[in-house]
Amino acid sequence: MTESEAALAAVAARVGAFYEAHPYPPAVDDLDGYARKWDEGRRRAHFHLLWPDQPYRDDFSVLVAGCGTSQAAKIALRWPRARVTGVDVSTASLAASEALKRRYELDNLQLHELALERAGELGESFDHIICTGVLHHLPDPDAGLRALSAVLAAQGALQLMVYAPYGRAGVYLIQDYCRRLGVEPGAADILDLIVSLKALPPDHPLAPLLRKSKDLLTREGLADALLNPNDRAYSVPQLLDALAAADLSFGRWQRQAPYLAQCGAPAATPHASRLARLPTEEQYAAMELFRGTMARHTVVAWRDDQPSAVDFGGDAWGDYVPVRVPDTIAVRENLPPGAAAVLINRTHTYTDLYLPIGADQARLLAAVDGRRTITEIARGAQRDAARDFFEQLWNYDQVVFDTSRGRSPA
């Protein structure tokens, strides 16, 4: 073993020992509320977020890479006809997942003690790979991403969440502070850290996260965020570069409006026209800098040969079937002048991301039923106006599209 390989192995051992002692997230024994949340409408919307150009189905294969205490069980419960495989290096986390598997009789779930870098040892490829909050803790994240890319099936979709640097600036300050003081993830040190954090200046960069994140109020969440032995963050350009190096194509942001210059406050600034002239990836990077507080990025990526299927530049959009995104609401009180409603996606954390709509647009939105195409919905409406409206709904994370009806047979 080379010196470099030994160093990587040592990091992996420290991370493994950390999660063995501090399984994350905290184990749960009740997923009833989660199961009720995932009805057919929510499943269909999530499917077409991943695969806009494929007809809906629910019998695909899933790899949950770094499944923790409950994620693989949740996915198996969410998709009862899917074949779900969960891998993790923590036996404590896998034991918690096994308990959920038994309780909910999840015959569609298989669990393995395995590092995600060794996913190839499973001997199969997967239609969908989920890796959230894991890659940034690996000793060699690029190797981990290449391993996942290698087991992603043709037409497969990877859902990846990694930390972002600017919104976590306060986290990295306190991580460094804890290292300098020799703070360890033991019970006594964690309690002392909780007390000490209450004395932070109110304008410390960590303060907004402490106010907004319930997770940071728990011992497990605090240890994972501030005392983790290995943690790196990705800016937008760094994440896009990492995907390309692993032969993956960027598909979309899971919630894309914060990254789009045409959505929210940036569109009303004097810089709007300059932003619009930037290449798309540069716009994403500029929005990360403008917003300044993104703490994570969640991206959908495809195999390198998989193109994006949503495009309003040609004529195919008329055959798109819009599907409403769960967690979206229409507000009809205290409206701006001329608005019939204001559309909000409740998963957005930026308050400027709302979409006022007029009466004609409200009628179009009310006709969205997950079955009819835009052309069918917009009969009698001005075609260009309908196109622009549905593109806005897409940009603001109000709808996803089933584009398979207009796709040419392979």
Protein backbone atom coordinates (compact mmCIF):
# COMPACT_ATOMS: atom_id res chain seq x y z
CA MET A 1 0.00 0.00 0.00
CA THR A 2 1.39 3.39 -1.02
CA GLU A 3 1.59 6.30 1.38
CA SER A 4 -1.33 7.97 -0.41
CA GLU A 5 -3.44 4.81 -0.26
CA ALA A 6 -2.64 4.43 3.43
CA ALA A 7 -3.74 8.02 4.11
CA LEU A 8 -7.06 7.44 2.30
CA ALA A 9 -7.60 4.19 4.20
CA ALA A 10 -6.99 5.98 7.49
CA VAL A 11 -9.60 8.62 6.64
CA ALA A 12 -12.09 5.91 5.67
CA ALA A 13 -11.45 4.12 8.97
CA ARG A 14 -12.04 7.32 10.97
CA VAL A 15 -15.28 8.07 9.13
CA GLY A 16 -16.45 4.48 9.56
CA ALA A 17 -15.70 4.54 13.29
CA PHE A 18 -17.51 7.89 13.64
CA TYR A 19 -20.73 6.57 12.09
CA GLU A 20 -20.48 3.33 14.03
CA ALA A 21 -20.48 5.38 17.24
CA HIS A 22 -22.90 8.03 15.93
CA PRO A 23 -25.40 6.47 13.49
CA TYR A 24 -27.03 9.18 11.43
CA PRO A 25 -29.73 10.25 11.15
CA PRO A 26 -31.00 9.09 14.55
CA ALA A 27 -32.74 5.73 14.25
CA VAL A 28 -36.55 5.74 14.04
CA ASP A 29 -39.05 2.91 14.43
CA ASP A 30 -42.15 4.52 12.90
CA LEU A 31 -42.50 5.32 9.19
CA ASP A 32 -46.31 5.43 9.09
CA GLY A 33 -46.44 9.18 8.46
CA TYR A 34 -43.82 8.92 5.75
CA ALA A 35 -45.78 6.15 4.01
CA ARG A 36 -48.99 8.19 4.03
CA LYS A 37 -47.19 11.13 2.44
CA TRP A 38 -46.14 9.15 -0.63
CA ASP A 39 -49.35 8.70 -2.59
CA GLU A 40 -49.52 7.94 -6.31
CA GLY A 41 -49.48 11.62 -7.28
CA ARG A 42 -46.29 12.31 -5.34
CA ARG A 43 -44.63 9.20 -6.76
CA ARG A 44 -45.52 10.19 -10.31
CA ALA A 45 -44.21 13.73 -9.87
CA HIS A 46 -40.94 12.41 -8.48
CA PHE A 47 -40.60 9.87 -11.30
CA HIS A 48 -40.91 12.55 -13.97
CA LEU A 49 -38.49 14.82 -12.15
CA LEU A 50 -35.97 12.01 -12.65
CA TRP A 51 -37.17 10.76 -16.04
CA PRO A 52 -39.23 13.32 -17.96
CA ASP A 53 -38.93 11.39 -21.22
CA GLN A 54 -40.08 7.98 -19.95
CA PRO A 55 -43.63 6.72 -19.34
CA TYR A 56 -44.42 6.35 -15.66
CA ARG A 57 -43.56 3.03 -14.03
CA ASP A 58 -42.80 1.93 -10.49
CA ASP A 59 -40.94 -1.36 -10.92
CA PHE A 60 -37.39 -0.08 -11.33
CA SER A 61 -34.22 -0.94 -9.39
CA VAL A 62 -32.77 1.44 -6.78
CA LEU A 63 -29.40 1.63 -5.03
CA VAL A 64 -29.30 3.75 -1.86
CA ALA A 65 -25.58 4.41 -1.52
CA GLY A 66 -24.84 5.20 2.12
CA CYS A 67 -28.34 4.35 3.34
CA GLY A 68 -27.86 5.27 7.01
CA THR A 69 -30.45 4.24 9.56
CA SER A 70 -33.65 4.53 7.53
CA GLN A 71 -33.27 5.89 3.99
CA ALA A 72 -33.32 2.55 2.17
CA ALA A 73 -36.36 1.44 4.19
CA LYS A 74 -38.13 4.68 3.29
CA ILE A 75 -37.41 4.18 -0.41
CA ALA A 76 -38.65 0.58 -0.27
CA LEU A 77 -41.82 1.76 1.48
CA ARG A 78 -42.23 4.62 -1.01
CA TRP A 79 -41.87 2.34 -4.04
CA PRO A 80 -43.34 -1.06 -3.02
CA ARG A 81 -42.85 -2.55 -6.51
CA ALA A 82 -39.24 -1.36 -6.84
CA ARG A 83 -36.22 -3.53 -6.06
CA VAL A 84 -34.24 -1.58 -3.48
CA THR A 85 -30.66 -2.22 -2.36
CA GLY A 86 -29.09 -0.29 0.51
CA VAL A 87 -25.37 -0.22 1.31
CA ASP A 88 -23.56 1.34 4.26
CA VAL A 89 -20.32 0.86 6.20
CA SER A 90 -21.98 1.25 9.61
CA THR A 91 -23.30 -1.96 11.16
CA ALA A 92 -25.27 0.13 13.66
CA SER A 93 -27.04 1.97 10.85
CA LEU A 94 -27.74 -1.26 8.99
CA ALA A 95 -29.18 -2.82 12.15
CA ALA A 96 -31.65 0.07 12.41
CA SER A 97 -32.58 -0.39 8.76
CA GLU A 98 -33.02 -4.14 9.26
CA ALA A 99 -35.43 -3.44 12.12
CA LEU A 100 -37.54 -1.24 9.84
CA LYS A 101 -37.41 -3.90 7.14
CA ARG A 102 -38.83 -6.45 9.56
CA ARG A 103 -41.48 -4.15 10.99
CA TYR A 104 -42.83 -3.09 7.59
CA GLU A 105 -42.25 -6.48 5.87
CA LEU A 106 -40.16 -4.86 3.15
CA ASP A 107 -39.49 -7.90 0.99
CA ASN A 108 -38.32 -5.56 -1.79
CA LEU A 109 -35.31 -4.38 0.27
CA GLN A 110 -31.83 -5.90 0.47
CA LEU A 111 -29.14 -4.48 2.76
CA HIS A 112 -25.37 -4.93 2.56
CA GLU A 113 -22.43 -3.81 4.66
CA LEU A 114 -20.41 -2.34 1.84
CA ALA A 115 -18.61 0.91 1.04
CA LEU A 116 -20.20 2.67 -1.90
CA GLU A 117 -16.79 2.77 -3.61
CA ARG A 118 -17.21 -1.03 -3.92
CA ALA A 119 -20.69 -0.88 -5.44
CA GLY A 120 -19.44 -2.87 -8.42
CA GLU A 121 -19.16 -5.92 -6.13
CA LEU A 122 -22.97 -6.08 -6.08
CA GLY A 123 -22.77 -7.40 -9.62
CA GLU A 124 -25.66 -5.41 -11.07
CA SER A 125 -26.63 -2.03 -12.44
CA PHE A 126 -29.41 0.20 -11.14
CA ASP A 127 -32.05 2.37 -12.78
CA HIS A 128 -31.92 4.87 -9.94
CA ILE A 129 -29.10 5.65 -7.51
CA ILE A 130 -29.64 7.83 -4.44
CA CYS A 131 -26.59 9.25 -2.67
CA THR A 132 -27.47 12.08 -0.32
CA GLY A 133 -25.12 13.47 2.29
CA VAL A 134 -22.49 10.78 1.80
CA LEU A 135 -20.09 11.56 -1.04
CA HIS A 136 -18.61 14.61 0.71
CA HIS A 137 -17.48 12.43 3.65
CA LEU A 138 -15.51 9.95 1.54
CA PRO A 139 -11.70 9.99 1.54
CA ASP A 140 -11.80 10.14 -2.28
CA PRO A 141 -15.18 11.51 -3.44
CA ASP A 142 -14.18 11.35 -7.11
CA ALA A 143 -13.54 7.62 -6.82
CA GLY A 144 -16.89 7.19 -5.10
CA LEU A 145 -18.72 9.06 -7.84
CA ARG A 146 -16.99 7.01 -10.55
CA ALA A 147 -18.05 3.83 -8.74
CA LEU A 148 -21.68 4.96 -8.75
CA SER A 149 -21.51 6.01 -12.39
CA ALA A 150 -20.19 2.55 -13.27
CA VAL A 151 -23.29 0.83 -11.83
CA LEU A 152 -25.84 3.31 -13.17
CA ALA A 153 -27.91 1.59 -15.85
CA ALA A 154 -28.38 3.00 -19.35
CA GLN A 155 -31.20 5.58 -19.07
CA GLY A 156 -30.53 5.60 -15.30
CA ALA A 157 -30.84 8.61 -13.00
CA LEU A 158 -28.55 9.56 -10.10
CA GLN A 159 -29.92 11.76 -7.31
CA LEU A 160 -26.95 13.31 -5.52
CA MET A 161 -26.77 15.73 -2.58
CA VAL A 162 -23.49 17.29 -1.52
CA TYR A 163 -22.59 20.13 0.79
CA ALA A 164 -22.16 23.63 -0.63
CA PRO A 165 -19.44 25.95 0.71
CA TYR A 166 -20.94 29.42 1.14
CA GLY A 167 -24.00 28.58 3.22
CA ARG A 168 -21.83 26.38 5.45
CA ALA A 169 -19.14 28.97 6.16
CA GLY A 170 -20.14 29.06 9.83
CA VAL A 171 -20.00 25.27 10.03
CA TYR A 172 -16.42 25.24 8.80
CA LEU A 173 -15.41 27.97 11.23
CA ILE A 174 -16.70 25.97 14.19
CA GLN A 175 -15.27 22.72 12.82
CA ASP A 176 -11.84 24.39 12.84
CA TYR A 177 -12.52 25.82 16.32
CA CYS A 178 -13.38 22.35 17.63
CA ARG A 179 -10.26 20.81 16.07
CA ARG A 180 -8.05 23.41 17.70
CA LEU A 181 -9.60 22.73 21.10
CA GLY A 182 -9.54 18.97 20.67
CA VAL A 183 -13.32 18.67 21.03
CA GLU A 184 -14.32 15.03 20.51
CA PRO A 185 -17.72 13.54 19.58
CA GLY A 186 -18.24 12.07 23.04
CA ALA A 187 -21.30 12.85 25.14
CA ALA A 188 -19.55 15.23 27.56
CA ASP A 189 -17.81 17.23 24.83
CA ILE A 190 -21.03 17.49 22.81
CA LEU A 191 -22.92 18.85 25.83
CA ASP A 192 -20.15 21.39 26.42
CA LEU A 193 -20.29 22.35 22.74
CA ILE A 194 -24.06 22.89 22.90
CA VAL A 195 -23.62 25.24 25.85
CA SER A 196 -20.73 27.05 24.16
CA LEU A 197 -22.66 27.61 20.93
CA LYS A 198 -25.32 29.50 22.87
CA ALA A 199 -22.67 32.13 23.58
CA LEU A 200 -21.84 32.74 19.91
CA PRO A 201 -22.23 36.33 18.72
CA PRO A 202 -25.67 36.79 17.14
CA ASP A 203 -24.06 37.72 13.82
CA HIS A 204 -21.73 34.70 13.72
CA PRO A 205 -22.05 32.92 10.32
CA LEU A 206 -23.30 29.77 12.08
CA ALA A 207 -26.15 31.60 13.82
CA PRO A 208 -28.63 31.45 10.89
CA LEU A 209 -28.15 27.69 10.58
CA LEU A 210 -28.66 27.20 14.31
CA ARG A 211 -31.93 29.13 14.05
CA LYS A 212 -33.21 27.37 10.93
CA SER A 213 -31.95 23.80 11.23
CA LYS A 214 -33.77 21.60 13.73
CA ASP A 215 -31.11 18.98 13.04
CA LEU A 216 -28.40 21.13 14.60
CA LEU A 217 -30.39 21.20 17.83
CA THR A 218 -29.87 17.45 18.32
CA ARG A 219 -26.72 15.79 19.63
CA GLU A 220 -26.53 13.53 16.58
CA GLY A 221 -26.99 16.41 14.14
CA LEU A 222 -24.47 18.57 15.95
CA ALA A 223 -21.86 15.79 15.93
CA ASP A 224 -22.42 15.07 12.24
CA ALA A 225 -22.15 18.71 11.22
CA LEU A 226 -19.40 20.02 13.49
CA LEU A 227 -17.34 17.02 14.59
CA ASN A 228 -17.31 14.83 11.50
CA PRO A 229 -13.75 13.64 10.77
CA ASN A 230 -14.02 14.28 7.03
CA ASP A 231 -16.13 16.81 5.15
CA ARG A 232 -15.71 18.75 1.93
CA ALA A 233 -18.08 21.06 0.08
CA TYR A 234 -18.68 21.65 -3.62
CA SER A 235 -19.35 24.95 -5.31
CA VAL A 236 -21.54 24.76 -8.42
CA PRO A 237 -18.54 24.69 -10.83
CA GLN A 238 -16.79 22.05 -8.71
CA LEU A 239 -19.88 19.84 -8.66
CA LEU A 240 -20.43 20.13 -12.42
CA ASP A 241 -16.77 19.29 -13.01
CA ALA A 242 -17.03 16.25 -10.73
CA LEU A 243 -20.07 14.96 -12.65
CA ALA A 244 -18.30 15.38 -15.98
CA ALA A 245 -15.18 13.60 -14.69
CA ALA A 246 -17.38 10.63 -13.73
CA ASP A 247 -18.97 10.51 -17.23
CA LEU A 248 -22.26 11.84 -15.93
CA SER A 249 -24.43 14.52 -17.52
CA PHE A 250 -26.08 17.23 -15.47
CA GLY A 251 -29.84 16.79 -15.72
CA ARG A 252 -31.32 19.41 -13.42
CA TRP A 253 -31.31 20.75 -9.89
CA GLN A 254 -33.90 18.98 -7.78
CA ARG A 255 -35.32 22.42 -6.99
CA GLN A 256 -34.07 24.60 -9.80
CA ALA A 257 -35.62 28.06 -9.24
CA PRO A 258 -32.87 29.25 -6.83
CA TYR A 259 -30.28 28.56 -9.56
CA LEU A 260 -32.13 30.34 -12.38
CA ALA A 261 -31.41 34.01 -13.06
CA GLN A 262 -34.90 34.50 -14.48
CA CYS A 263 -36.57 33.52 -11.20
CA GLY A 264 -37.13 35.81 -8.25
CA ALA A 265 -35.20 38.94 -7.27
CA PRO A 266 -32.24 38.64 -9.70
CA ALA A 267 -34.60 39.06 -12.68
CA ALA A 268 -35.53 42.56 -11.45
CA THR A 269 -31.98 43.83 -10.93
CA PRO A 270 -29.95 45.97 -13.37
CA HIS A 271 -27.80 42.86 -13.94
CA ALA A 272 -30.68 40.78 -15.36
CA SER A 273 -29.62 41.23 -18.99
CA ARG A 274 -25.98 40.45 -18.19
CA LEU A 275 -27.01 37.31 -16.33
CA ALA A 276 -29.18 36.23 -19.27
CA ARG A 277 -26.19 36.45 -21.61
CA LEU A 278 -24.10 34.06 -19.55
CA PRO A 279 -23.87 30.39 -20.53
CA THR A 280 -26.31 28.30 -18.49
CA GLU A 281 -23.68 26.77 -16.20
CA GLU A 282 -22.21 30.22 -15.52
CA GLN A 283 -25.69 31.44 -14.58
CA TYR A 284 -25.94 28.63 -12.03
CA ALA A 285 -22.58 29.62 -10.56
CA ALA A 286 -23.56 33.30 -10.47
CA MET A 287 -26.81 32.50 -8.65
CA GLU A 288 -24.93 30.51 -6.01
CA LEU A 289 -22.77 33.58 -5.40
CA PHE A 290 -25.72 36.00 -5.50
CA ARG A 291 -27.82 34.01 -3.03
CA GLY A 292 -24.85 33.32 -0.81
CA THR A 293 -26.49 30.95 1.66
CA MET A 294 -26.90 27.67 -0.24
CA ALA A 295 -25.77 24.99 2.20
CA ARG A 296 -26.24 22.00 -0.10
CA HIS A 297 -26.77 21.13 -3.74
CA THR A 298 -29.13 18.36 -4.85
CA VAL A 299 -28.77 17.39 -8.48
CA VAL A 300 -30.23 14.85 -10.88
CA ALA A 301 -27.58 13.44 -13.21
CA TRP A 302 -27.82 10.96 -16.04
CA ARG A 303 -25.45 8.73 -17.92
CA ASP A 304 -23.28 10.73 -20.28
CA ASP A 305 -25.36 9.62 -23.28
CA GLN A 306 -28.68 10.81 -21.78
CA PRO A 307 -29.83 14.24 -23.05
CA SER A 308 -32.23 16.56 -21.27
CA ALA A 309 -35.79 16.01 -22.39
CA VAL A 310 -37.46 19.33 -21.51
CA ASP A 311 -37.03 22.07 -24.12
CA PHE A 312 -39.33 24.96 -24.90
CA GLY A 313 -37.20 26.14 -27.82
CA GLY A 314 -38.85 23.92 -30.44
CA ASP A 315 -42.36 22.62 -31.03
CA ALA A 316 -42.33 19.46 -28.91
CA TRP A 317 -43.54 21.27 -25.77
CA GLY A 318 -47.16 21.11 -26.91
CA ASP A 319 -47.12 17.36 -26.32
CA TYR A 320 -45.74 17.66 -22.78
CA VAL A 321 -48.06 16.50 -20.01
CA PRO A 322 -47.65 18.80 -16.97
CA VAL A 323 -47.73 17.12 -13.55
CA ARG A 324 -48.18 19.27 -10.45
CA VAL A 325 -45.34 19.12 -7.93
CA PRO A 326 -46.40 18.30 -4.35
CA ASP A 327 -45.76 20.98 -1.73
CA THR A 328 -46.90 23.73 -4.10
CA ILE A 329 -49.71 26.07 -3.10
CA ALA A 330 -51.70 28.93 -4.63
CA VAL A 331 -52.14 31.90 -2.28
CA ARG A 332 -55.23 34.01 -2.97
CA GLU A 333 -55.07 36.61 -0.21
CA ASN A 334 -53.09 39.88 0.05
CA LEU A 335 -52.20 39.67 -3.64
CA PRO A 336 -50.19 42.14 -5.71
CA PRO A 337 -52.25 44.29 -8.11
CA GLY A 338 -53.63 42.33 -11.07
CA ALA A 339 -52.82 38.90 -9.67
CA ALA A 340 -55.44 36.17 -9.32
CA ALA A 341 -53.06 34.06 -7.20
CA VAL A 342 -49.44 33.75 -6.15
CA LEU A 343 -47.78 30.35 -6.59
CA ILE A 344 -45.28 29.14 -4.00
CA ASN A 345 -43.26 25.96 -3.66
CA ARG A 346 -43.05 25.40 0.09
CA THR A 347 -39.70 23.60 -0.20
CA HIS A 348 -38.03 26.80 -1.39
CA THR A 349 -36.15 28.64 1.33
CA TYR A 350 -35.80 31.96 -0.51
CA THR A 351 -38.79 34.25 -0.05
CA ASP A 352 -38.41 35.96 -3.44
CA LEU A 353 -39.28 32.74 -5.28
CA TYR A 354 -42.98 33.25 -5.84
CA LEU A 355 -44.92 33.49 -9.10
CA PRO A 356 -47.90 35.86 -9.44
CA ILE A 357 -50.40 34.69 -12.07
CA GLY A 358 -53.39 36.34 -13.76
CA ALA A 359 -56.90 35.02 -14.19
CA ASP A 360 -56.22 33.41 -17.59
CA GLN A 361 -53.13 31.68 -16.24
CA ALA A 362 -55.04 30.50 -13.18
CA ARG A 363 -57.56 28.81 -15.50
CA LEU A 364 -54.74 27.02 -17.33
CA LEU A 365 -53.23 25.88 -14.05
CA ALA A 366 -56.59 24.59 -12.81
CA ALA A 367 -56.84 22.41 -15.92
CA VAL A 368 -53.58 20.58 -15.14
CA ASP A 369 -54.64 17.02 -14.27
CA GLY A 370 -51.54 14.95 -15.07
CA ARG A 371 -53.21 13.47 -18.15
CA ARG A 372 -53.75 16.22 -20.69
CA THR A 373 -51.00 17.79 -22.77
CA ILE A 374 -50.27 21.51 -22.83
CA THR A 375 -51.95 21.71 -26.24
CA GLU A 376 -55.09 20.06 -24.89
CA ILE A 377 -55.12 22.27 -21.79
CA ALA A 378 -54.50 25.48 -23.75
CA ARG A 379 -57.19 25.11 -26.45
CA GLY A 380 -58.56 28.57 -27.08
CA ALA A 381 -55.58 30.27 -25.44
CA GLN A 382 -52.85 32.15 -27.26
CA ARG A 383 -50.17 29.56 -28.04
CA ASP A 384 -47.10 31.66 -27.24
CA ALA A 385 -48.63 32.83 -23.96
CA ALA A 386 -49.38 29.22 -22.98
CA ARG A 387 -45.82 28.18 -23.80
CA ASP A 388 -44.35 31.02 -21.75
CA PHE A 389 -46.62 30.25 -18.79
CA PHE A 390 -45.81 26.55 -18.65
CA GLU A 391 -42.12 27.31 -18.99
CA GLN A 392 -42.47 29.63 -15.98
CA LEU A 393 -44.24 26.90 -14.02
CA TRP A 394 -41.34 24.59 -14.85
CA ASN A 395 -38.70 27.14 -13.87
CA TYR A 396 -40.41 27.88 -10.56
CA ASP A 397 -40.70 24.18 -9.61
CA GLN A 398 -44.49 24.18 -9.86
CA VAL A 399 -44.69 21.34 -12.38
CA VAL A 400 -42.64 18.57 -13.93
CA PHE A 401 -43.39 17.14 -17.35
CA ASP A 402 -44.08 13.75 -18.83
CA THR A 403 -42.57 14.29 -22.28
CA SER A 404 -42.82 10.66 -23.37
CA ARG A 405 -45.98 11.13 -25.42
CA GLY A 406 -44.16 13.21 -28.00
CA ARG A 407 -40.95 11.13 -28.01
CA SER A 408 -40.04 9.31 -31.20
CA PRO A 409 -39.85 5.52 -30.81
CA ALA A 410 -36.30 4.25 -30.27
